[in-house]
């Protein structure tokens, strides 16, 4: 399946891509001294051929808040404008879970990061 290289910014589709629910969790693996931050959610895509993804934005004033932008990769072809719920996620490896306290999805919502250790 081929995708267009142009990314459609979420601001273009703000009326379509409404956040359903986002959650963030950071799991610290003490044995290997590594943490994984994962952000998961569901958004409404403007058509079935638009695939959402979260990308890291420039840091803001507070370095303890990870800021993510929602962008869409549009498959080629003509697609009916049918609002379609789609899952979206983001994963980042960290040295520890103390780097961030919250995640902000630009223009949508801010969620607290649930921190666990295994």
PDB file of N, CA and C in Angstrom:
ATOM      1  N   UNK A   1       0.849  -1.169   0.000  1.00  0.00           N
ATOM      2  CA  UNK A   1       0.000   0.000   0.000  1.00  0.00           C
ATOM      3  C   UNK A   1       0.900   1.239   0.000  1.00  0.00           C
ATOM      4  N   UNK A   2       0.735   2.095  -0.970  1.00  0.00           N
ATOM      5  CA  UNK A   2       1.547   3.306  -1.060  1.00  0.00           C
ATOM      6  C   UNK A   2       0.817   4.483  -0.425  1.00  0.00           C
ATOM      7  N   UNK A   3       1.602   5.364   0.178  1.00  0.00           N
ATOM      8  CA  UNK A   3       1.049   6.546   0.813  1.00  0.00           C
ATOM      9  C   UNK A   3       1.645   7.785   0.170  1.00  0.00           C
ATOM     10  N   UNK A   4       0.887   8.844   0.116  1.00  0.00           N
ATOM     11  CA  UNK A   4       1.415  10.120  -0.333  1.00  0.00           C
ATOM     12  C   UNK A   4       2.437  10.611   0.671  1.00  0.00           C
ATOM     13  N   UNK A   5       3.429  11.323   0.196  1.00  0.00           N
ATOM     14  CA  UNK A   5       4.431  11.863   1.103  1.00  0.00           C
ATOM     15  C   UNK A   5       3.935  13.101   1.829  1.00  0.00           C
ATOM     16  N   UNK A   6       2.942  13.777   1.244  1.00  0.00           N
ATOM     17  CA  UNK A   6       2.483  14.999   1.924  1.00  0.00           C
ATOM     18  C   UNK A   6       1.666  14.652   3.151  1.00  0.00           C
ATOM     19  N   UNK A   7       1.952  15.358   4.237  1.00  0.00           N
ATOM     20  CA  UNK A   7       1.227  15.149   5.481  1.00  0.00           C
ATOM     21  C   UNK A   7       0.156  16.209   5.598  1.00  0.00           C
ATOM     22  N   UNK A   8      -1.000  15.799   6.015  1.00  0.00           N
ATOM     23  CA  UNK A   8      -2.096  16.729   6.200  1.00  0.00           C
ATOM     24  C   UNK A   8      -2.141  17.059   7.678  1.00  0.00           C
ATOM     25  N   UNK A   9      -1.866  18.290   8.041  1.00  0.00           N
ATOM     26  CA  UNK A   9      -1.833  18.691   9.438  1.00  0.00           C
ATOM     27  C   UNK A   9      -3.223  18.576  10.045  1.00  0.00           C
ATOM     28  N   UNK A  10      -3.250  18.237  11.315  1.00  0.00           N
ATOM     29  CA  UNK A  10      -4.528  18.042  11.993  1.00  0.00           C
ATOM     30  C   UNK A  10      -5.358  19.315  12.040  1.00  0.00           C
ATOM     31  N   UNK A  11      -4.705  20.478  12.003  1.00  0.00           N
ATOM     32  CA  UNK A  11      -5.456  21.734  12.035  1.00  0.00           C
ATOM     33  C   UNK A  11      -6.390  21.848  10.838  1.00  0.00           C
ATOM     34  N   UNK A  12      -6.017  21.238   9.715  1.00  0.00           N
ATOM     35  CA  UNK A  12      -6.859  21.265   8.527  1.00  0.00           C
ATOM     36  C   UNK A  12      -8.143  20.464   8.740  1.00  0.00           C
ATOM     37  N   UNK A  13      -8.076  19.497   9.624  1.00  0.00           N
ATOM     38  CA  UNK A  13      -9.214  18.616   9.837  1.00  0.00           C
ATOM     39  C   UNK A  13      -9.765  18.715  11.253  1.00  0.00           C
ATOM     40  N   UNK A  14      -9.527  19.823  11.919  1.00  0.00           N
ATOM     41  CA  UNK A  14      -9.901  19.936  13.331  1.00  0.00           C
ATOM     42  C   UNK A  14     -11.375  19.601  13.547  1.00  0.00           C
ATOM     43  N   UNK A  15     -12.257  19.949  12.612  1.00  0.00           N
ATOM     44  CA  UNK A  15     -13.681  19.656  12.809  1.00  0.00           C
ATOM     45  C   UNK A  15     -13.965  18.166  12.682  1.00  0.00           C
ATOM     46  N   UNK A  16     -13.111  17.440  11.962  1.00  0.00           N
ATOM     47  CA  UNK A  16     -13.339  16.009  11.780  1.00  0.00           C
ATOM     48  C   UNK A  16     -12.627  15.179  12.843  1.00  0.00           C
ATOM     49  N   UNK A  17     -11.387  15.512  13.111  1.00  0.00           N
ATOM     50  CA  UNK A  17     -10.547  14.663  13.957  1.00  0.00           C
ATOM     51  C   UNK A  17     -10.685  15.034  15.427  1.00  0.00           C
ATOM     52  N   UNK A  18     -11.827  14.794  15.966  1.00  0.00           N
ATOM     53  CA  UNK A  18     -12.053  15.098  17.372  1.00  0.00           C
ATOM     54  C   UNK A  18     -11.518  13.963  18.223  1.00  0.00           C
ATOM     55  N   UNK A  19     -10.884  14.315  19.310  1.00  0.00           N
ATOM     56  CA  UNK A  19     -10.324  13.321  20.207  1.00  0.00           C
ATOM     57  C   UNK A  19     -11.447  12.551  20.895  1.00  0.00           C
ATOM     58  N   UNK A  20     -11.351  11.249  20.868  1.00  0.00           N
ATOM     59  CA  UNK A  20     -12.297  10.421  21.610  1.00  0.00           C
ATOM     60  C   UNK A  20     -11.784  10.257  23.036  1.00  0.00           C
ATOM     61  N   UNK A  21     -10.544   9.789  23.152  1.00  0.00           N
ATOM     62  CA  UNK A  21      -9.948   9.556  24.460  1.00  0.00           C
ATOM     63  C   UNK A  21      -8.476   9.216  24.247  1.00  0.00           C
ATOM     64  N   UNK A  22      -7.630   9.833  25.049  1.00  0.00           N
ATOM     65  CA  UNK A  22      -6.206   9.522  25.014  1.00  0.00           C
ATOM     66  C   UNK A  22      -5.768   9.049  26.389  1.00  0.00           C
ATOM     67  N   UNK A  23      -4.759   8.186  26.423  1.00  0.00           N
ATOM     68  CA  UNK A  23      -4.174   7.710  27.674  1.00  0.00           C
ATOM     69  C   UNK A  23      -2.667   7.624  27.472  1.00  0.00           C
ATOM     70  N   UNK A  24      -1.918   7.890  28.542  1.00  0.00           N
ATOM     71  CA  UNK A  24      -0.458   7.822  28.475  1.00  0.00           C
ATOM     72  C   UNK A  24       0.053   7.008  29.654  1.00  0.00           C
ATOM     73  N   UNK A  25       1.026   6.147  29.378  1.00  0.00           N
ATOM     74  CA  UNK A  25       1.611   5.317  30.422  1.00  0.00           C
ATOM     75  C   UNK A  25       3.111   5.222  30.198  1.00  0.00           C
ATOM     76  N   UNK A  26       3.863   5.278  31.287  1.00  0.00           N
ATOM     77  CA  UNK A  26       5.304   5.081  31.227  1.00  0.00           C
ATOM     78  C   UNK A  26       5.637   3.886  32.109  1.00  0.00           C
ATOM     79  N   UNK A  27       6.268   2.879  31.517  1.00  0.00           N
ATOM     80  CA  UNK A  27       6.657   1.672  32.255  1.00  0.00           C
ATOM     81  C   UNK A  27       8.181   1.670  32.363  1.00  0.00           C
ATOM     82  N   UNK A  28       8.673   1.617  33.603  1.00  0.00           N
ATOM     83  CA  UNK A  28      10.126   1.562  33.826  1.00  0.00           C
ATOM     84  C   UNK A  28      10.524   0.116  34.084  1.00  0.00           C
ATOM     85  N   UNK A  29      11.444  -0.383  33.282  1.00  0.00           N
ATOM     86  CA  UNK A  29      11.975  -1.732  33.432  1.00  0.00           C
ATOM     87  C   UNK A  29      13.282  -1.614  34.211  1.00  0.00           C
ATOM     88  N   UNK A  30      13.203  -1.783  35.534  1.00  0.00           N
ATOM     89  CA  UNK A  30      14.352  -1.523  36.407  1.00  0.00           C
ATOM     90  C   UNK A  30      15.527  -2.452  36.126  1.00  0.00           C
ATOM     91  N   UNK A  31      15.253  -3.642  35.689  1.00  0.00           N
ATOM     92  CA  UNK A  31      16.334  -4.599  35.431  1.00  0.00           C
ATOM     93  C   UNK A  31      17.232  -4.160  34.283  1.00  0.00           C
ATOM     94  N   UNK A  32      16.646  -3.566  33.249  1.00  0.00           N
ATOM     95  CA  UNK A  32      17.449  -3.118  32.105  1.00  0.00           C
ATOM     96  C   UNK A  32      17.634  -1.604  32.086  1.00  0.00           C
ATOM     97  N   UNK A  33      17.111  -0.936  33.107  1.00  0.00           N
ATOM     98  CA  UNK A  33      17.255   0.520  33.263  1.00  0.00           C
ATOM     99  C   UNK A  33      16.801   1.278  32.014  1.00  0.00           C
ATOM    100  N   UNK A  34      15.566   0.974  31.611  1.00  0.00           N
ATOM    101  CA  UNK A  34      14.959   1.605  30.436  1.00  0.00           C
ATOM    102  C   UNK A  34      13.481   1.813  30.709  1.00  0.00           C
ATOM    103  N   UNK A  35      12.942   2.887  30.173  1.00  0.00           N
ATOM    104  CA  UNK A  35      11.512   3.167  30.306  1.00  0.00           C
ATOM    105  C   UNK A  35      10.898   3.323  28.931  1.00  0.00           C
ATOM    106  N   UNK A  36       9.635   2.931  28.802  1.00  0.00           N
ATOM    107  CA  UNK A  36       8.888   3.122  27.559  1.00  0.00           C
ATOM    108  C   UNK A  36       7.646   3.950  27.848  1.00  0.00           C
ATOM    109  N   UNK A  37       7.547   5.070  27.162  1.00  0.00           N
ATOM    110  CA  UNK A  37       6.370   5.931  27.255  1.00  0.00           C
ATOM    111  C   UNK A  37       5.480   5.623  26.065  1.00  0.00           C
ATOM    112  N   UNK A  38       4.226   5.310  26.332  1.00  0.00           N
ATOM    113  CA  UNK A  38       3.293   5.050  25.237  1.00  0.00           C
ATOM    114  C   UNK A  38       2.047   5.911  25.408  1.00  0.00           C
ATOM    115  N   UNK A  39       1.585   6.449  24.282  1.00  0.00           N
ATOM    116  CA  UNK A  39       0.380   7.272  24.236  1.00  0.00           C
ATOM    117  C   UNK A  39      -0.555   6.612  23.238  1.00  0.00           C
ATOM    118  N   UNK A  40      -1.776   6.327  23.667  1.00  0.00           N
ATOM    119  CA  UNK A  40      -2.751   5.677  22.800  1.00  0.00           C
ATOM    120  C   UNK A  40      -4.051   6.458  22.813  1.00  0.00           C
ATOM    121  N   UNK A  41      -4.734   6.452  21.671  1.00  0.00           N
ATOM    122  CA  UNK A  41      -6.015   7.135  21.590  1.00  0.00           C
ATOM    123  C   UNK A  41      -6.767   6.760  20.341  1.00  0.00           C
ATOM    124  N   UNK A  42      -7.922   7.341  20.190  1.00  0.00           N
ATOM    125  CA  UNK A  42      -8.757   7.150  19.008  1.00  0.00           C
ATOM    126  C   UNK A  42      -9.181   8.519  18.518  1.00  0.00           C
ATOM    127  N   UNK A  43      -9.060   8.741  17.211  1.00  0.00           N
ATOM    128  CA  UNK A  43      -9.484  10.004  16.613  1.00  0.00           C
ATOM    129  C   UNK A  43     -10.416   9.716  15.446  1.00  0.00           C
ATOM    130  N   UNK A  44     -11.197  10.702  15.075  1.00  0.00           N
ATOM    131  CA  UNK A  44     -12.061  10.593  13.904  1.00  0.00           C
ATOM    132  C   UNK A  44     -11.305  11.137  12.703  1.00  0.00           C
ATOM    133  N   UNK A  45     -10.985  10.264  11.760  1.00  0.00           N
ATOM    134  CA  UNK A  45     -10.319  10.670  10.525  1.00  0.00           C
ATOM    135  C   UNK A  45     -11.379  11.178   9.541  1.00  0.00           C
ATOM    136  N   UNK A  46     -10.999  12.094   8.645  1.00  0.00           N
ATOM    137  CA  UNK A  46     -11.968  12.676   7.721  1.00  0.00           C
ATOM    138  C   UNK A  46     -12.450  11.721   6.632  1.00  0.00           C
ATOM    139  N   UNK A  47     -11.705  10.622   6.409  1.00  0.00           N
ATOM    140  CA  UNK A  47     -12.107   9.618   5.433  1.00  0.00           C
ATOM    141  C   UNK A  47     -11.361   8.325   5.747  1.00  0.00           C
ATOM    142  N   UNK A  48     -11.811   7.183   5.189  1.00  0.00           N
ATOM    143  CA  UNK A  48     -11.164   5.905   5.500  1.00  0.00           C
ATOM    144  C   UNK A  48      -9.713   5.814   5.026  1.00  0.00           C
ATOM    145  N   UNK A  49      -9.293   6.647   4.083  1.00  0.00           N
ATOM    146  CA  UNK A  49      -7.930   6.608   3.565  1.00  0.00           C
ATOM    147  C   UNK A  49      -6.960   7.505   4.304  1.00  0.00           C
ATOM    148  N   UNK A  50      -7.413   8.199   5.344  1.00  0.00           N
ATOM    149  CA  UNK A  50      -6.540   9.066   6.132  1.00  0.00           C
ATOM    150  C   UNK A  50      -6.089   8.304   7.372  1.00  0.00           C
ATOM    151  N   UNK A  51      -4.770   8.129   7.513  1.00  0.00           N
ATOM    152  CA  UNK A  51      -4.210   7.368   8.626  1.00  0.00           C
ATOM    153  C   UNK A  51      -3.516   8.309   9.606  1.00  0.00           C
ATOM    154  N   UNK A  52      -3.992   8.366  10.856  1.00  0.00           N
ATOM    155  CA  UNK A  52      -3.427   9.301  11.832  1.00  0.00           C
ATOM    156  C   UNK A  52      -2.129   8.777  12.432  1.00  0.00           C
ATOM    157  N   UNK A  53      -1.288   9.717  12.857  1.00  0.00           N
ATOM    158  CA  UNK A  53      -0.118   9.375  13.652  1.00  0.00           C
ATOM    159  C   UNK A  53       0.250  10.579  14.507  1.00  0.00           C
ATOM    160  N   UNK A  54       0.913  10.286  15.612  1.00  0.00           N
ATOM    161  CA  UNK A  54       1.355  11.327  16.534  1.00  0.00           C
ATOM    162  C   UNK A  54       2.846  11.542  16.334  1.00  0.00           C
ATOM    163  N   UNK A  55       3.243  12.811  16.205  1.00  0.00           N
ATOM    164  CA  UNK A  55       4.652  13.155  16.046  1.00  0.00           C
ATOM    165  C   UNK A  55       5.029  14.189  17.094  1.00  0.00           C
ATOM    166  N   UNK A  56       6.263  14.110  17.550  1.00  0.00           N
ATOM    167  CA  UNK A  56       6.721  15.014  18.602  1.00  0.00           C
ATOM    168  C   UNK A  56       6.844  16.433  18.060  1.00  0.00           C
ATOM    169  N   UNK A  57       6.318  17.385  18.825  1.00  0.00           N
ATOM    170  CA  UNK A  57       6.387  18.803  18.475  1.00  0.00           C
ATOM    171  C   UNK A  57       7.553  19.446  19.220  1.00  0.00           C
ATOM    172  N   UNK A  58       7.823  20.704  18.895  1.00  0.00           N
ATOM    173  CA  UNK A  58       8.860  21.436  19.624  1.00  0.00           C
ATOM    174  C   UNK A  58       8.439  21.563  21.084  1.00  0.00           C
ATOM    175  N   UNK A  59       9.407  21.449  21.999  1.00  0.00           N
ATOM    176  CA  UNK A  59       9.068  21.582  23.415  1.00  0.00           C
ATOM    177  C   UNK A  59       8.503  22.959  23.726  1.00  0.00           C
ATOM    178  N   UNK A  60       7.620  23.012  24.702  1.00  0.00           N
ATOM    179  CA  UNK A  60       7.040  24.279  25.123  1.00  0.00           C
ATOM    180  C   UNK A  60       7.798  24.868  26.293  1.00  0.00           C
ATOM    181  N   UNK A  61       7.128  25.719  27.038  1.00  0.00           N
ATOM    182  CA  UNK A  61       7.739  26.387  28.188  1.00  0.00           C
ATOM    183  C   UNK A  61       8.072  25.380  29.285  1.00  0.00           C
ATOM    184  N   UNK A  62       7.180  24.410  29.514  1.00  0.00           N
ATOM    185  CA  UNK A  62       7.380  23.432  30.574  1.00  0.00           C
ATOM    186  C   UNK A  62       8.004  22.161  29.991  1.00  0.00           C
ATOM    187  N   UNK A  63       9.269  21.874  30.317  1.00  0.00           N
ATOM    188  CA  UNK A  63       9.922  20.693  29.753  1.00  0.00           C
ATOM    189  C   UNK A  63       9.366  19.374  30.277  1.00  0.00           C
ATOM    190  N   UNK A  64       8.522  19.412  31.295  1.00  0.00           N
ATOM    191  CA  UNK A  64       7.936  18.194  31.863  1.00  0.00           C
ATOM    192  C   UNK A  64       6.668  17.753  31.124  1.00  0.00           C
ATOM    193  N   UNK A  65       6.276  18.516  30.083  1.00  0.00           N
ATOM    194  CA  UNK A  65       5.112  18.173  29.273  1.00  0.00           C
ATOM    195  C   UNK A  65       5.579  17.831  27.866  1.00  0.00           C
ATOM    196  N   UNK A  66       5.307  16.607  27.435  1.00  0.00           N
ATOM    197  CA  UNK A  66       5.611  16.184  26.069  1.00  0.00           C
ATOM    198  C   UNK A  66       4.478  16.671  25.175  1.00  0.00           C
ATOM    199  N   UNK A  67       4.828  17.375  24.106  1.00  0.00           N
ATOM    200  CA  UNK A  67       3.820  17.903  23.186  1.00  0.00           C
ATOM    201  C   UNK A  67       3.871  17.101  21.891  1.00  0.00           C
ATOM    202  N   UNK A  68       2.701  16.619  21.470  1.00  0.00           N
ATOM    203  CA  UNK A  68       2.583  15.838  20.246  1.00  0.00           C
ATOM    204  C   UNK A  68       1.606  16.510  19.290  1.00  0.00           C
ATOM    205  N   UNK A  69       1.895  16.405  17.999  1.00  0.00           N
ATOM    206  CA  UNK A  69       0.984  16.874  16.954  1.00  0.00           C
ATOM    207  C   UNK A  69       0.319  15.671  16.309  1.00  0.00           C
ATOM    208  N   UNK A  70      -0.936  15.830  15.963  1.00  0.00           N
ATOM    209  CA  UNK A  70      -1.662  14.794  15.235  1.00  0.00           C
ATOM    210  C   UNK A  70      -1.609  15.149  13.758  1.00  0.00           C
ATOM    211  N   UNK A  71      -1.091  14.223  12.938  1.00  0.00           N
ATOM    212  CA  UNK A  71      -1.033  14.428  11.495  1.00  0.00           C
ATOM    213  C   UNK A  71      -1.681  13.227  10.811  1.00  0.00           C
ATOM    214  N   UNK A  72      -2.079  13.424   9.569  1.00  0.00           N
ATOM    215  CA  UNK A  72      -2.685  12.353   8.793  1.00  0.00           C
ATOM    216  C   UNK A  72      -1.861  12.095   7.540  1.00  0.00           C
ATOM    217  N   UNK A  73      -1.635  10.808   7.240  1.00  0.00           N
ATOM    218  CA  UNK A  73      -1.070  10.391   5.961  1.00  0.00           C
ATOM    219  C   UNK A  73      -2.265   9.982   5.109  1.00  0.00           C
ATOM    220  N   UNK A  74      -2.395  10.597   3.950  1.00  0.00           N
ATOM    221  CA  UNK A  74      -3.548  10.334   3.085  1.00  0.00           C
ATOM    222  C   UNK A  74      -3.164   9.345   1.989  1.00  0.00           C
ATOM    223  N   UNK A  75      -3.890   8.242   1.910  1.00  0.00           N
ATOM    224  CA  UNK A  75      -3.675   7.288   0.824  1.00  0.00           C
ATOM    225  C   UNK A  75      -4.094   7.935  -0.494  1.00  0.00           C
ATOM    226  N   UNK A  76      -3.460   7.535  -1.606  1.00  0.00           N
ATOM    227  CA  UNK A  76      -3.859   8.093  -2.900  1.00  0.00           C
ATOM    228  C   UNK A  76      -5.257   7.622  -3.296  1.00  0.00           C
ATOM    229  N   UNK A  77      -5.847   8.373  -4.161  1.00  0.00           N
ATOM    230  CA  UNK A  77      -7.162   8.008  -4.659  1.00  0.00           C
ATOM    231  C   UNK A  77      -8.252   8.921  -4.136  1.00  0.00           C
ATOM    232  N   UNK A  78      -9.467   8.633  -4.589  1.00  0.00           N
ATOM    233  CA  UNK A  78     -10.635   9.408  -4.179  1.00  0.00           C
ATOM    234  C   UNK A  78     -11.330   8.657  -3.056  1.00  0.00           C
ATOM    235  N   UNK A  79     -11.568   9.370  -1.958  1.00  0.00           N
ATOM    236  CA  UNK A  79     -12.198   8.770  -0.788  1.00  0.00           C
ATOM    237  C   UNK A  79     -13.459   9.543  -0.434  1.00  0.00           C
ATOM    238  N   UNK A  80     -14.516   8.803  -0.108  1.00  0.00           N
ATOM    239  CA  UNK A  80     -15.732   9.452   0.352  1.00  0.00           C
ATOM    240  C   UNK A  80     -15.464  10.131   1.690  1.00  0.00           C
ATOM    241  N   UNK A  81     -15.999  11.328   1.884  1.00  0.00           N
ATOM    242  CA  UNK A  81     -15.775  12.027   3.156  1.00  0.00           C
ATOM    243  C   UNK A  81     -16.621  11.438   4.285  1.00  0.00           C
ATOM    244  N   UNK A  82     -16.261  10.246   4.712  1.00  0.00           N
ATOM    245  CA  UNK A  82     -16.959   9.547   5.783  1.00  0.00           C
ATOM    246  C   UNK A  82     -16.068   9.584   7.027  1.00  0.00           C
ATOM    247  N   UNK A  83     -16.535  10.212   8.075  1.00  0.00           N
ATOM    248  CA  UNK A  83     -15.760  10.286   9.311  1.00  0.00           C
ATOM    249  C   UNK A  83     -15.567   8.869   9.840  1.00  0.00           C
ATOM    250  N   UNK A  84     -14.293   8.503  10.075  1.00  0.00           N
ATOM    251  CA  UNK A  84     -13.941   7.139  10.430  1.00  0.00           C
ATOM    252  C   UNK A  84     -13.083   7.116  11.690  1.00  0.00           C
ATOM    253  N   UNK A  85     -13.521   6.452  12.761  1.00  0.00           N
ATOM    254  CA  UNK A  85     -12.684   6.345  13.959  1.00  0.00           C
ATOM    255  C   UNK A  85     -11.443   5.508  13.664  1.00  0.00           C
ATOM    256  N   UNK A  86     -10.278   6.008  14.085  1.00  0.00           N
ATOM    257  CA  UNK A  86      -9.027   5.291  13.847  1.00  0.00           C
ATOM    258  C   UNK A  86      -8.172   5.341  15.107  1.00  0.00           C
ATOM    259  N   UNK A  87      -7.495   4.236  15.428  1.00  0.00           N
ATOM    260  CA  UNK A  87      -6.578   4.254  16.569  1.00  0.00           C
ATOM    261  C   UNK A  87      -5.290   4.971  16.195  1.00  0.00           C
ATOM    262  N   UNK A  88      -4.648   5.569  17.193  1.00  0.00           N
ATOM    263  CA  UNK A  88      -3.386   6.261  16.969  1.00  0.00           C
ATOM    264  C   UNK A  88      -2.513   6.053  18.198  1.00  0.00           C
ATOM    265  N   UNK A  89      -1.203   5.958  17.986  1.00  0.00           N
ATOM    266  CA  UNK A  89      -0.311   5.733  19.112  1.00  0.00           C
ATOM    267  C   UNK A  89       1.059   6.347  18.896  1.00  0.00           C
ATOM    268  N   UNK A  90       1.795   6.429  19.991  1.00  0.00           N
ATOM    269  CA  UNK A  90       3.142   6.989  19.986  1.00  0.00           C
ATOM    270  C   UNK A  90       3.927   6.279  21.086  1.00  0.00           C
ATOM    271  N   UNK A  91       5.166   5.874  20.780  1.00  0.00           N
ATOM    272  CA  UNK A  91       6.020   5.205  21.755  1.00  0.00           C
ATOM    273  C   UNK A  91       7.384   5.873  21.733  1.00  0.00           C
ATOM    274  N   UNK A  92       7.939   6.098  22.935  1.00  0.00           N
ATOM    275  CA  UNK A  92       9.255   6.719  23.049  1.00  0.00           C
ATOM    276  C   UNK A  92      10.025   6.028  24.166  1.00  0.00           C
ATOM    277  N   UNK A  93      11.289   5.674  23.888  1.00  0.00           N
ATOM    278  CA  UNK A  93      12.162   5.093  24.901  1.00  0.00           C
ATOM    279  C   UNK A  93      12.803   6.217  25.710  1.00  0.00           C
ATOM    280  N   UNK A  94      12.849   6.037  27.028  1.00  0.00           N
ATOM    281  CA  UNK A  94      13.431   7.023  27.940  1.00  0.00           C
ATOM    282  C   UNK A  94      14.355   6.309  28.924  1.00  0.00           C
ATOM    283  N   UNK A  95      15.235   7.068  29.549  1.00  0.00           N
ATOM    284  CA  UNK A  95      16.086   6.486  30.586  1.00  0.00           C
ATOM    285  C   UNK A  95      15.310   6.231  31.872  1.00  0.00           C
ATOM    286  N   UNK A  96      14.321   7.095  32.163  1.00  0.00           N
ATOM    287  CA  UNK A  96      13.450   6.892  33.314  1.00  0.00           C
ATOM    288  C   UNK A  96      12.123   7.595  33.072  1.00  0.00           C
ATOM    289  N   UNK A  97      11.164   7.286  33.908  1.00  0.00           N
ATOM    290  CA  UNK A  97       9.818   7.840  33.743  1.00  0.00           C
ATOM    291  C   UNK A  97       9.663   9.238  34.331  1.00  0.00           C
ATOM    292  N   UNK A  98      10.707   9.772  34.944  1.00  0.00           N
ATOM    293  CA  UNK A  98      10.617  11.088  35.570  1.00  0.00           C
ATOM    294  C   UNK A  98      10.816  12.245  34.593  1.00  0.00           C
ATOM    295  N   UNK A  99      11.044  11.952  33.322  1.00  0.00           N
ATOM    296  CA  UNK A  99      11.289  13.000  32.331  1.00  0.00           C
ATOM    297  C   UNK A  99      10.033  13.835  32.091  1.00  0.00           C
ATOM    298  N   UNK A 100       8.876  13.181  31.951  1.00  0.00           N
ATOM    299  CA  UNK A 100       7.605  13.866  31.663  1.00  0.00           C
ATOM    300  C   UNK A 100       6.551  13.534  32.706  1.00  0.00           C
ATOM    301  N   UNK A 101       5.668  14.510  32.968  1.00  0.00           N
ATOM    302  CA  UNK A 101       4.520  14.296  33.855  1.00  0.00           C
ATOM    303  C   UNK A 101       3.207  14.225  33.079  1.00  0.00           C
ATOM    304  N   UNK A 102       3.160  14.932  31.935  1.00  0.00           N
ATOM    305  CA  UNK A 102       1.934  15.006  31.130  1.00  0.00           C
ATOM    306  C   UNK A 102       2.278  14.933  29.644  1.00  0.00           C
ATOM    307  N   UNK A 103       1.251  14.584  28.868  1.00  0.00           N
ATOM    308  CA  UNK A 103       1.357  14.615  27.407  1.00  0.00           C
ATOM    309  C   UNK A 103       0.232  15.500  26.895  1.00  0.00           C
ATOM    310  N   UNK A 104       0.581  16.443  26.013  1.00  0.00           N
ATOM    311  CA  UNK A 104      -0.420  17.284  25.365  1.00  0.00           C
ATOM    312  C   UNK A 104      -0.482  16.920  23.893  1.00  0.00           C
ATOM    313  N   UNK A 105      -1.679  16.588  23.422  1.00  0.00           N
ATOM    314  CA  UNK A 105      -1.907  16.401  21.993  1.00  0.00           C
ATOM    315  C   UNK A 105      -2.415  17.753  21.517  1.00  0.00           C
ATOM    316  N   UNK A 106      -1.584  18.464  20.750  1.00  0.00           N
ATOM    317  CA  UNK A 106      -1.863  19.844  20.344  1.00  0.00           C
ATOM    318  C   UNK A 106      -3.278  20.017  19.803  1.00  0.00           C
ATOM    319  N   UNK A 107      -4.020  20.927  20.412  1.00  0.00           N
ATOM    320  CA  UNK A 107      -5.367  21.237  19.960  1.00  0.00           C
ATOM    321  C   UNK A 107      -6.435  20.279  20.444  1.00  0.00           C
ATOM    322  N   UNK A 108      -6.063  19.279  21.237  1.00  0.00           N
ATOM    323  CA  UNK A 108      -7.040  18.289  21.658  1.00  0.00           C
ATOM    324  C   UNK A 108      -7.132  18.188  23.174  1.00  0.00           C
ATOM    325  N   UNK A 109      -6.175  17.517  23.794  1.00  0.00           N
ATOM    326  CA  UNK A 109      -6.261  17.368  25.239  1.00  0.00           C
ATOM    327  C   UNK A 109      -4.897  17.117  25.850  1.00  0.00           C
ATOM    328  N   UNK A 110      -4.843  17.283  27.172  1.00  0.00           N
ATOM    329  CA  UNK A 110      -3.650  16.982  27.956  1.00  0.00           C
ATOM    330  C   UNK A 110      -4.007  15.869  28.925  1.00  0.00           C
ATOM    331  N   UNK A 111      -3.139  14.855  28.999  1.00  0.00           N
ATOM    332  CA  UNK A 111      -3.396  13.733  29.896  1.00  0.00           C
ATOM    333  C   UNK A 111      -2.198  13.532  30.816  1.00  0.00           C
ATOM    334  N   UNK A 112      -2.485  13.072  32.026  1.00  0.00           N
ATOM    335  CA  UNK A 112      -1.440  12.728  32.983  1.00  0.00           C
ATOM    336  C   UNK A 112      -0.816  11.398  32.566  1.00  0.00           C
ATOM    337  N   UNK A 113       0.457  11.222  32.825  1.00  0.00           N
ATOM    338  CA  UNK A 113       1.139   9.975  32.517  1.00  0.00           C
ATOM    339  C   UNK A 113       1.068   9.066  33.737  1.00  0.00           C
ATOM    340  N   UNK A 114       0.537   7.867  33.552  1.00  0.00           N
ATOM    341  CA  UNK A 114       0.499   6.854  34.601  1.00  0.00           C
ATOM    342  C   UNK A 114       1.857   6.164  34.597  1.00  0.00           C
ATOM    343  N   UNK A 115       2.525   6.159  35.755  1.00  0.00           N
ATOM    344  CA  UNK A 115       3.883   5.606  35.835  1.00  0.00           C
ATOM    345  C   UNK A 115       3.878   4.321  36.641  1.00  0.00           C
ATOM    346  N   UNK A 116       4.504   3.284  36.067  1.00  0.00           N
ATOM    347  CA  UNK A 116       4.625   1.988  36.747  1.00  0.00           C
ATOM    348  C   UNK A 116       6.045   1.479  36.607  1.00  0.00           C
ATOM    349  N   UNK A 117       6.418   0.577  37.492  1.00  0.00           N
ATOM    350  CA  UNK A 117       7.759  -0.029  37.444  1.00  0.00           C
ATOM    351  C   UNK A 117       7.624  -1.531  37.492  1.00  0.00           C
ATOM    352  N   UNK A 118       8.392  -2.206  36.639  1.00  0.00           N
ATOM    353  CA  UNK A 118       8.392  -3.672  36.634  1.00  0.00           C
ATOM    354  C   UNK A 118       9.801  -4.194  36.711  1.00  0.00           C
TER     355      UNK A 118
END
